[in-house]
């Protein structure tokens, strides 16, 4: 399932993501490597970013990037 399809508050594990090297580099800087666990904190209204918890840090991910991240419920 895609990150955008997951319900708010769910605990997820990152499986994979699609994109160029720039996307991969940015996501790894944010701690979103495959295998890491994340939690969806909230979806901003009006097409705004997705707020997720990564290792105790709140991170905002744009919806375009979030649509490229594959996750599974952990």
C-alpha atoms as a PDB file:
ATOM      1  CA  UNK A   1       0.000   0.000   0.000  1.00  0.00           C
ATOM      2  CA  UNK A   2       1.096   3.576  -0.544  1.00  0.00           C
ATOM      3  CA  UNK A   3       1.816   5.922   2.346  1.00  0.00           C
ATOM      4  CA  UNK A   4      -1.095   8.127   1.231  1.00  0.00           C
ATOM      5  CA  UNK A   5      -3.525   5.182   1.545  1.00  0.00           C
ATOM      6  CA  UNK A   6      -2.690   4.382   5.174  1.00  0.00           C
ATOM      7  CA  UNK A   7      -5.047   5.616   7.904  1.00  0.00           C
ATOM      8  CA  UNK A   8      -3.975   8.311  10.347  1.00  0.00           C
ATOM      9  CA  UNK A   9      -2.283   6.961  13.472  1.00  0.00           C
ATOM     10  CA  UNK A  10      -1.190   3.684  11.908  1.00  0.00           C
ATOM     11  CA  UNK A  11       2.241   2.215  12.601  1.00  0.00           C
ATOM     12  CA  UNK A  12       3.929   1.276   9.328  1.00  0.00           C
ATOM     13  CA  UNK A  13       7.142  -0.196   7.976  1.00  0.00           C
ATOM     14  CA  UNK A  14       8.758   1.282   4.867  1.00  0.00           C
ATOM     15  CA  UNK A  15       9.127  -1.368   2.165  1.00  0.00           C
ATOM     16  CA  UNK A  16      10.424   0.585  -0.823  1.00  0.00           C
ATOM     17  CA  UNK A  17      10.120   3.875  -2.685  1.00  0.00           C
ATOM     18  CA  UNK A  18      10.307   4.945  -6.289  1.00  0.00           C
ATOM     19  CA  UNK A  19      12.026   8.007  -7.643  1.00  0.00           C
ATOM     20  CA  UNK A  20      15.335   9.303  -8.835  1.00  0.00           C
ATOM     21  CA  UNK A  21      18.558   9.500  -6.885  1.00  0.00           C
ATOM     22  CA  UNK A  22      17.540  12.876  -5.464  1.00  0.00           C
ATOM     23  CA  UNK A  23      14.365  11.439  -3.957  1.00  0.00           C
ATOM     24  CA  UNK A  24      16.232   8.463  -2.541  1.00  0.00           C
ATOM     25  CA  UNK A  25      18.945  10.692  -1.049  1.00  0.00           C
ATOM     26  CA  UNK A  26      16.411  13.041   0.578  1.00  0.00           C
ATOM     27  CA  UNK A  27      14.332  10.217   2.055  1.00  0.00           C
ATOM     28  CA  UNK A  28      17.403   8.505   3.479  1.00  0.00           C
ATOM     29  CA  UNK A  29      18.464  11.815   5.074  1.00  0.00           C
ATOM     30  CA  UNK A  30      15.058  11.939   6.760  1.00  0.00           C
ATOM     31  CA  UNK A  31      15.456   8.364   8.058  1.00  0.00           C
ATOM     32  CA  UNK A  32      13.041   6.721   5.639  1.00  0.00           C
ATOM     33  CA  UNK A  33      15.173   3.790   4.558  1.00  0.00           C
ATOM     34  CA  UNK A  34      13.435   0.493   3.774  1.00  0.00           C
ATOM     35  CA  UNK A  35      12.770  -1.453   6.974  1.00  0.00           C
ATOM     36  CA  UNK A  36      12.337   1.595   9.235  1.00  0.00           C
ATOM     37  CA  UNK A  37       9.112   2.035  11.170  1.00  0.00           C
ATOM     38  CA  UNK A  38       7.065   5.216  10.907  1.00  0.00           C
ATOM     39  CA  UNK A  39       3.757   6.499  12.254  1.00  0.00           C
ATOM     40  CA  UNK A  40       1.363   8.822  10.448  1.00  0.00           C
ATOM     41  CA  UNK A  41       0.625  11.807  12.657  1.00  0.00           C
ATOM     42  CA  UNK A  42      -1.716  13.757  10.377  1.00  0.00           C
ATOM     43  CA  UNK A  43      -2.660  14.706   6.856  1.00  0.00           C
ATOM     44  CA  UNK A  44      -2.618  18.474   6.311  1.00  0.00           C
ATOM     45  CA  UNK A  45      -5.789  19.816   4.688  1.00  0.00           C
ATOM     46  CA  UNK A  46      -6.119  21.147   1.139  1.00  0.00           C
ATOM     47  CA  UNK A  47      -3.418  18.933  -0.350  1.00  0.00           C
ATOM     48  CA  UNK A  48      -0.773  19.847   2.217  1.00  0.00           C
ATOM     49  CA  UNK A  49       2.012  17.569   3.443  1.00  0.00           C
ATOM     50  CA  UNK A  50       1.768  14.335   5.403  1.00  0.00           C
ATOM     51  CA  UNK A  51       3.238  14.574   8.910  1.00  0.00           C
ATOM     52  CA  UNK A  52       4.944  11.391  10.043  1.00  0.00           C
ATOM     53  CA  UNK A  53       6.940  10.334  13.083  1.00  0.00           C
ATOM     54  CA  UNK A  54      10.369   8.905  12.210  1.00  0.00           C
ATOM     55  CA  UNK A  55      12.389   7.726  15.208  1.00  0.00           C
ATOM     56  CA  UNK A  56      10.805  10.327  17.490  1.00  0.00           C
ATOM     57  CA  UNK A  57      11.074  13.210  15.015  1.00  0.00           C
ATOM     58  CA  UNK A  58       8.167  14.836  13.182  1.00  0.00           C
ATOM     59  CA  UNK A  59       8.817  15.030   9.442  1.00  0.00           C
ATOM     60  CA  UNK A  60       6.657  16.599   6.732  1.00  0.00           C
ATOM     61  CA  UNK A  61       6.545  14.755   3.416  1.00  0.00           C
ATOM     62  CA  UNK A  62       4.854  16.233   0.369  1.00  0.00           C
ATOM     63  CA  UNK A  63       1.972  14.238  -1.064  1.00  0.00           C
ATOM     64  CA  UNK A  64       3.800  13.701  -4.364  1.00  0.00           C
ATOM     65  CA  UNK A  65       6.676  11.997  -2.568  1.00  0.00           C
ATOM     66  CA  UNK A  66       4.361  10.169  -0.146  1.00  0.00           C
ATOM     67  CA  UNK A  67       2.589   8.616  -3.137  1.00  0.00           C
ATOM     68  CA  UNK A  68       5.896   6.975  -4.130  1.00  0.00           C
ATOM     69  CA  UNK A  69       6.549   5.317  -0.750  1.00  0.00           C
ATOM     70  CA  UNK A  70       5.378   1.711  -0.324  1.00  0.00           C
ATOM     71  CA  UNK A  71       4.560   0.681   3.241  1.00  0.00           C
ATOM     72  CA  UNK A  72       3.007  -2.201   5.143  1.00  0.00           C
ATOM     73  CA  UNK A  73       1.272  -2.316   8.516  1.00  0.00           C
ATOM     74  CA  UNK A  74       3.716  -3.497  11.163  1.00  0.00           C
END
